[in-house]
Amino acid sequence: MEDKLVSIIIPCYNLSGYLEACLDSCILQTYKNIEIITVNDGSNDNTQEIIEYYARLDSRIIAIHQKNQGAAKARETGVENSKGDYIVFVDGDDYISLDAIEVLLRELIESNADIAFANYYEELHSGFELITITDGGIITGREFIKRVLKDRIFTIWGKIYKKELFLSSLDYYTDLMRGEDAVLLVQLAYNAKFVKEINKSLYYYRLKETSATKSQYVKNLLCAFRARFVIEEYLLERGFNKEQDYELGIFICFILVAMLLNTHKYDFDNFWKQLIKEKTRIYLFENKEFEIYYRQNFNKNYWRLKLNYLFSLKNDRMFERIYKIIKNANRN
């Protein structure tokens, strides 16, 4: 498989103190036939200097600099400039194990899959914790989408993709500052016939500290919410069913609860409040079979949405009191 070129695409924005470890992990890969496309998305620290320094050290590094347009546009730029048969995304504040590309590519080719993904490590204050999202196996693209929805596997990184998946019409949703990676992942999964799950950890996810203002935080939060409804619309247009695909209902109701718990904290406008009620009506009032399933498996979230729909319940302490009464009544 040594003749297969793999394109590693790294979106970069203000990554001083992080990017060096990421680039080191890429250039030291056991699989050598790679190109490393760094897309500097208008950084205002010394990210550009770091990229240029590494590009002089390793000719496989391709340095692209553009004005700040967000991670989605940086990924799109990287794909457009890639020459590889396969695509791997790595966030510039993370890094990968030294055999990551070799393992991902080998497993993908041997299984004749279109996407392969593995477990990863997440950085905590006490060190890295193993996050297990797969025990291995091969599933269809549709089954993978259901796993993405149910288990919230939203990240575009930690996976390898056949380049041909990107040749069909894709929308990178460059106007979204959060959640855009999940939207792209679902589109790629829809184009895939088979997905290979690898029971090995190959990616190191690091939480980069930022100093976002409250208004920026709320804007990003709303972008993440919007991304989930973009995914819902995309899947419904392609044959997913509210009545039969419970994973979609779980996915949307989870977002509705997250919105509900933040609505009163940040005083969202009426559009979002009405959207919560409208989606609650569709999934929990008009879909009786799913309503029974959701109540049995997600009882507390079920009542959060129900009580908000019926009474516009705003006080979370009041909800806890009512919920205890309901729970005790059900036991009796």
Protein backbone atom coordinates (compact mmCIF):
# COMPACT_ATOMS: atom_id res chain seq x y z
CA MET A 1 0.00 0.00 0.00
CA GLU A 2 3.08 2.24 0.02
CA ASP A 3 2.10 3.77 -3.34
CA LYS A 4 -1.04 5.36 -1.84
CA LEU A 5 -0.61 9.06 -1.06
CA VAL A 6 -2.38 10.23 2.10
CA SER A 7 -3.18 13.92 2.53
CA ILE A 8 -3.12 15.12 6.15
CA ILE A 9 -5.06 18.39 6.38
CA ILE A 10 -4.44 20.63 9.39
CA PRO A 11 -6.57 23.78 9.93
CA CYS A 12 -4.49 26.27 11.93
CA TYR A 13 -5.59 29.33 13.87
CA ASN A 14 -3.51 30.87 16.66
CA LEU A 15 -1.84 27.62 17.68
CA SER A 16 1.36 28.82 19.30
CA GLY A 17 2.39 26.25 21.91
CA TYR A 18 0.29 23.49 20.32
CA LEU A 19 1.15 23.24 16.63
CA GLU A 20 4.71 22.00 17.09
CA ALA A 21 3.60 18.74 18.71
CA CYS A 22 0.98 18.23 15.99
CA LEU A 23 3.49 18.71 13.16
CA ASP A 24 6.09 16.54 14.89
CA SER A 25 3.59 13.68 15.13
CA CYS A 26 2.78 14.00 11.42
CA ILE A 27 6.29 14.19 9.98
CA LEU A 28 7.44 11.25 12.14
CA GLN A 29 4.71 8.89 10.88
CA THR A 30 5.78 5.31 10.17
CA TYR A 31 3.90 5.61 6.87
CA LYS A 32 6.00 7.98 4.78
CA ASN A 33 3.98 8.58 1.60
CA ILE A 34 2.08 11.59 2.94
CA GLU A 35 1.57 15.26 2.24
CA ILE A 36 0.88 17.58 5.16
CA ILE A 37 -1.34 20.50 4.15
CA THR A 38 -1.34 23.25 6.76
CA VAL A 39 -4.00 25.92 6.23
CA ASN A 40 -3.19 29.01 8.29
CA ASP A 41 -6.59 30.64 8.74
CA GLY A 42 -5.54 34.24 9.36
CA SER A 43 -3.67 33.64 12.62
CA ASN A 44 -2.43 36.74 14.44
CA ASP A 45 0.20 35.00 16.58
CA ASN A 46 3.34 33.23 15.33
CA THR A 47 1.51 30.27 13.77
CA GLN A 48 2.65 31.29 10.28
CA GLU A 49 6.28 31.37 11.37
CA ILE A 50 5.98 27.90 12.91
CA ILE A 51 4.48 26.51 9.69
CA GLU A 52 7.15 28.10 7.50
CA TYR A 53 9.92 26.76 9.76
CA TYR A 54 8.59 23.20 9.53
CA ALA A 55 8.02 23.53 5.78
CA ARG A 56 11.73 24.24 5.38
CA LEU A 57 12.53 21.11 7.39
CA ASP A 58 10.21 18.74 5.50
CA SER A 59 9.29 19.11 1.82
CA ARG A 60 6.06 17.13 2.39
CA ILE A 61 4.60 20.12 4.25
CA ILE A 62 2.48 22.42 2.07
CA ALA A 63 1.92 25.84 3.66
CA ILE A 64 -1.27 27.69 2.71
CA HIS A 65 -2.16 31.05 4.22
CA GLN A 66 -5.60 32.62 3.92
CA LYS A 67 -7.63 35.33 5.64
CA ASN A 68 -9.64 34.19 8.66
CA GLN A 69 -12.75 32.33 7.46
CA GLY A 70 -13.15 29.57 10.05
CA ALA A 71 -12.22 25.90 10.36
CA ALA A 72 -14.79 24.73 7.79
CA LYS A 73 -13.31 26.92 5.05
CA ALA A 74 -9.80 25.85 6.06
CA ARG A 75 -10.78 22.19 5.62
CA GLU A 76 -12.36 22.96 2.26
CA THR A 77 -9.19 24.77 1.14
CA GLY A 78 -7.11 21.81 2.27
CA VAL A 79 -9.22 19.30 0.33
CA GLU A 80 -9.13 21.47 -2.80
CA ASN A 81 -5.33 21.54 -2.67
CA SER A 82 -4.85 17.86 -1.79
CA LYS A 83 -3.37 15.35 -4.22
CA GLY A 84 -3.75 12.24 -2.06
CA ASP A 85 -5.88 9.15 -2.61
CA TYR A 86 -7.02 9.43 1.02
CA ILE A 87 -7.81 12.30 3.40
CA VAL A 88 -7.07 12.60 7.12
CA PHE A 89 -7.99 15.65 9.21
CA VAL A 90 -5.96 16.59 12.27
CA ASP A 91 -6.76 19.66 14.37
CA GLY A 92 -3.65 21.73 14.89
CA ASP A 93 -3.92 21.70 18.68
CA ASP A 94 -4.05 17.86 18.75
CA TYR A 95 -1.61 15.17 17.67
CA ILE A 96 -1.65 11.57 16.44
CA SER A 97 0.20 8.39 17.36
CA LEU A 98 3.23 7.71 15.16
CA ASP A 99 1.57 4.72 13.47
CA ALA A 100 -1.84 6.38 13.03
CA ILE A 101 -1.72 6.79 9.25
CA GLU A 102 -0.29 3.30 8.72
CA VAL A 103 -2.98 1.65 10.84
CA LEU A 104 -5.87 3.68 9.42
CA LEU A 105 -4.81 3.11 5.82
CA ARG A 106 -4.11 -0.60 6.22
CA GLU A 107 -7.43 -1.26 7.94
CA LEU A 108 -9.30 0.76 5.33
CA ILE A 109 -7.73 -1.05 2.38
CA GLU A 110 -7.99 -4.55 3.87
CA SER A 111 -11.68 -4.09 4.69
CA ASN A 112 -12.47 -2.36 1.39
CA ALA A 113 -14.22 0.38 3.35
CA ASP A 114 -14.66 4.05 2.49
CA ILE A 115 -14.08 5.44 6.00
CA ALA A 116 -12.13 4.04 8.94
CA PHE A 117 -12.03 5.39 12.49
CA ALA A 118 -10.54 4.44 15.84
CA ASN A 119 -10.69 5.28 19.52
CA TYR A 120 -8.85 8.28 20.94
CA TYR A 121 -7.40 9.85 24.06
CA GLU A 122 -8.83 13.03 25.60
CA GLU A 123 -6.67 15.33 27.66
CA LEU A 124 -7.78 15.99 31.23
CA HIS A 125 -6.05 17.92 34.00
CA SER A 126 -4.72 14.63 35.36
CA GLY A 127 -3.52 13.35 31.97
CA PHE A 128 -5.06 11.59 28.97
CA GLU A 129 -8.14 9.40 29.31
CA LEU A 130 -9.01 6.66 26.82
CA ILE A 131 -12.31 7.32 25.03
CA THR A 132 -13.71 4.11 23.56
CA ILE A 133 -16.16 4.65 20.74
CA THR A 134 -15.69 1.32 18.97
CA ASP A 135 -14.79 -2.30 19.62
CA GLY A 136 -14.06 -2.98 15.94
CA GLY A 137 -16.04 -4.34 13.01
CA ILE A 138 -17.47 -3.22 9.68
CA ILE A 139 -20.78 -1.39 9.31
CA THR A 140 -22.64 0.30 6.48
CA GLY A 141 -22.58 4.04 5.96
CA ARG A 142 -26.19 4.30 7.13
CA GLU A 143 -25.42 2.30 10.28
CA PHE A 144 -22.48 4.61 10.94
CA ILE A 145 -24.74 7.67 10.64
CA LYS A 146 -27.04 6.13 13.24
CA ARG A 147 -24.04 5.63 15.52
CA VAL A 148 -22.98 9.23 14.96
CA LEU A 149 -26.44 10.41 15.99
CA LYS A 150 -26.92 8.11 18.97
CA ASP A 151 -23.40 8.20 20.42
CA ARG A 152 -22.62 11.77 19.29
CA ILE A 153 -19.49 10.89 17.31
CA PHE A 154 -19.37 14.33 15.72
CA THR A 155 -15.67 14.88 15.14
CA ILE A 156 -14.20 14.92 11.64
CA TRP A 157 -10.74 14.08 12.98
CA GLY A 158 -9.44 10.63 13.97
CA LYS A 159 -10.68 9.10 10.74
CA ILE A 160 -9.45 8.36 7.22
CA TYR A 161 -11.59 8.92 4.13
CA LYS A 162 -11.34 7.84 0.52
CA LYS A 163 -10.79 10.98 -1.55
CA GLU A 164 -13.65 10.01 -3.86
CA LEU A 165 -16.13 10.75 -1.06
CA PHE A 166 -15.26 14.44 -1.49
CA LEU A 167 -15.83 14.46 -5.25
CA SER A 168 -19.62 14.60 -4.95
CA SER A 169 -21.38 17.82 -4.02
CA LEU A 170 -20.60 18.72 -0.39
CA ASP A 171 -21.62 21.73 1.67
CA TYR A 172 -18.93 22.69 4.19
CA TYR A 173 -21.25 25.21 5.90
CA THR A 174 -18.50 27.77 6.21
CA ASP A 175 -20.87 30.17 8.00
CA LEU A 176 -21.02 27.86 11.02
CA MET A 177 -18.40 28.39 13.70
CA ARG A 178 -19.45 25.28 15.65
CA GLY A 179 -20.92 21.96 14.58
CA GLU A 180 -19.73 22.29 10.99
CA ASP A 181 -17.53 19.19 11.34
CA ALA A 182 -20.54 17.06 12.30
CA VAL A 183 -22.45 18.29 9.24
CA LEU A 184 -19.53 17.39 6.96
CA LEU A 185 -19.06 13.99 8.63
CA VAL A 186 -22.71 13.02 8.05
CA GLN A 187 -22.44 13.98 4.37
CA LEU A 188 -19.30 11.87 3.94
CA ALA A 189 -20.89 8.95 5.78
CA TYR A 190 -23.93 9.15 3.52
CA ASN A 191 -21.61 8.81 0.51
CA ALA A 192 -19.86 5.78 2.06
CA LYS A 193 -20.91 2.17 1.49
CA PHE A 194 -18.89 0.69 4.37
CA VAL A 195 -17.12 2.02 7.44
CA LYS A 196 -14.34 0.19 9.28
CA GLU A 197 -14.17 0.46 13.08
CA ILE A 198 -10.72 -0.02 14.60
CA ASN A 199 -10.29 -1.13 18.20
CA LYS A 200 -7.16 0.90 18.77
CA SER A 201 -6.44 4.44 19.99
CA LEU A 202 -4.62 6.64 17.50
CA TYR A 203 -5.56 10.26 18.22
CA TYR A 204 -4.78 12.64 21.10
CA TYR A 205 -7.44 15.29 21.60
CA ARG A 206 -6.31 18.33 23.57
CA LEU A 207 -8.63 21.00 24.95
CA LYS A 208 -7.22 24.34 23.86
CA GLU A 209 -7.92 27.14 26.32
CA THR A 210 -9.69 30.12 24.79
CA SER A 211 -10.87 33.46 26.17
CA ALA A 212 -14.24 33.76 24.42
CA THR A 213 -16.62 36.47 25.61
CA LYS A 214 -20.14 35.65 26.71
CA SER A 215 -21.55 36.96 23.42
CA GLN A 216 -19.10 34.79 21.45
CA TYR A 217 -20.00 31.78 23.57
CA VAL A 218 -23.73 32.27 22.94
CA LYS A 219 -23.11 32.76 19.20
CA ASN A 220 -21.09 29.54 19.05
CA LEU A 221 -23.73 27.71 21.05
CA LEU A 222 -26.45 28.77 18.64
CA CYS A 223 -24.28 27.70 15.70
CA ALA A 224 -23.92 24.24 17.28
CA PHE A 225 -27.69 24.03 17.73
CA ARG A 226 -28.31 25.10 14.14
CA ALA A 227 -25.85 22.48 12.86
CA ARG A 228 -27.93 19.72 14.46
CA PHE A 229 -31.07 20.85 12.66
CA VAL A 230 -29.14 21.09 9.39
CA ILE A 231 -28.22 17.42 9.89
CA GLU A 232 -31.83 16.54 10.65
CA GLU A 233 -33.08 18.22 7.46
CA TYR A 234 -30.31 16.62 5.37
CA LEU A 235 -31.18 13.12 6.59
CA LEU A 236 -34.94 13.51 6.30
CA GLU A 237 -34.47 14.57 2.67
CA ARG A 238 -32.50 11.35 2.09
CA GLY A 239 -34.89 8.80 3.50
CA PHE A 240 -34.42 8.85 7.27
CA ASN A 241 -37.74 8.52 9.06
CA LYS A 242 -38.96 10.16 12.29
CA GLU A 243 -41.20 7.18 13.03
CA GLN A 244 -38.65 4.40 12.46
CA ASP A 245 -35.16 5.85 12.92
CA TYR A 246 -35.15 6.33 16.69
CA GLU A 247 -31.53 7.48 16.57
CA LEU A 248 -32.68 10.66 14.82
CA GLY A 249 -35.30 11.27 17.49
CA ILE A 250 -32.76 10.71 20.28
CA PHE A 251 -30.36 13.09 18.54
CA ILE A 252 -32.91 15.88 18.16
CA CYS A 253 -34.42 15.50 21.63
CA PHE A 254 -30.94 15.62 23.16
CA ILE A 255 -30.35 18.95 21.43
CA LEU A 256 -33.75 20.24 22.50
CA VAL A 257 -32.91 19.50 26.14
CA ALA A 258 -29.51 21.19 25.76
CA MET A 259 -31.25 24.23 24.29
CA LEU A 260 -33.86 24.20 27.03
CA LEU A 261 -31.23 24.15 29.79
CA ASN A 262 -29.43 27.11 28.19
CA THR A 263 -32.41 29.16 27.00
CA HIS A 264 -33.18 30.73 30.36
CA LYS A 265 -29.52 31.05 31.31
CA TYR A 266 -28.72 33.16 28.23
CA ASP A 267 -32.21 34.50 27.45
CA PHE A 268 -32.39 33.26 23.85
CA ASP A 269 -34.93 34.99 21.61
CA ASN A 270 -38.40 33.64 20.89
CA PHE A 271 -37.34 31.90 17.68
CA TRP A 272 -35.33 29.32 19.61
CA LYS A 273 -37.97 28.94 22.32
CA GLN A 274 -40.65 28.28 19.71
CA LEU A 275 -38.35 25.89 17.88
CA ILE A 276 -37.99 23.77 21.04
CA LYS A 277 -41.76 23.54 21.34
CA GLU A 278 -42.30 22.80 17.65
CA LYS A 279 -39.75 19.98 17.59
CA THR A 280 -41.10 18.61 20.87
CA ARG A 281 -44.56 18.47 19.33
CA ILE A 282 -43.26 16.64 16.25
CA TYR A 283 -41.17 14.05 18.08
CA LEU A 284 -43.03 13.52 21.38
CA PHE A 285 -46.67 14.33 20.63
CA GLU A 286 -47.12 13.21 17.02
CA ASN A 287 -44.87 10.13 17.18
CA LYS A 288 -46.42 7.89 19.83
CA GLU A 289 -44.14 4.89 19.38
CA PHE A 290 -41.03 7.00 19.76
CA GLU A 291 -42.61 8.86 22.69
CA ILE A 292 -43.03 5.55 24.57
CA TYR A 293 -39.46 4.54 23.75
CA TYR A 294 -38.03 7.91 24.79
CA ARG A 295 -39.96 7.98 28.05
CA GLN A 296 -38.72 4.48 28.92
CA ASN A 297 -35.08 5.21 28.12
CA PHE A 298 -34.67 8.95 28.75
CA ASN A 299 -37.28 9.61 31.41
CA LYS A 300 -35.93 12.85 32.88
CA ASN A 301 -35.28 14.47 29.51
CA TYR A 302 -38.73 13.31 28.38
CA TRP A 303 -40.39 15.20 31.22
CA ARG A 304 -38.20 18.26 30.72
CA LEU A 305 -39.50 18.60 27.18
CA LYS A 306 -43.08 17.64 28.02
CA LEU A 307 -43.42 20.08 30.91
CA ASN A 308 -41.81 22.88 28.95
CA TYR A 309 -44.21 22.25 26.08
CA LEU A 310 -47.30 22.14 28.27
CA PHE A 311 -46.49 24.81 30.86
CA SER A 312 -43.43 26.74 29.58
CA LEU A 313 -41.72 25.70 32.79
CA LYS A 314 -38.77 28.05 33.29
CA ASN A 315 -37.59 27.35 36.80
CA ASP A 316 -35.26 24.35 36.93
CA ARG A 317 -35.77 23.98 40.70
CA MET A 318 -39.50 23.80 40.10
CA PHE A 319 -38.89 21.12 37.46
CA GLU A 320 -36.89 19.03 39.95
CA ARG A 321 -39.74 19.17 42.46
CA ILE A 322 -42.38 18.23 39.88
CA TYR A 323 -40.17 15.50 38.46
CA LYS A 324 -39.76 13.90 41.89
CA ILE A 325 -43.55 13.89 42.30
CA ILE A 326 -44.00 12.29 38.86
CA LYS A 327 -41.27 9.73 39.53
CA ASN A 328 -42.74 8.72 42.88
CA ALA A 329 -46.21 8.49 41.34
CA ASN A 330 -44.94 6.19 38.64
CA ARG A 331 -43.31 3.92 41.23
CA ASN A 332 -46.58 3.65 43.10
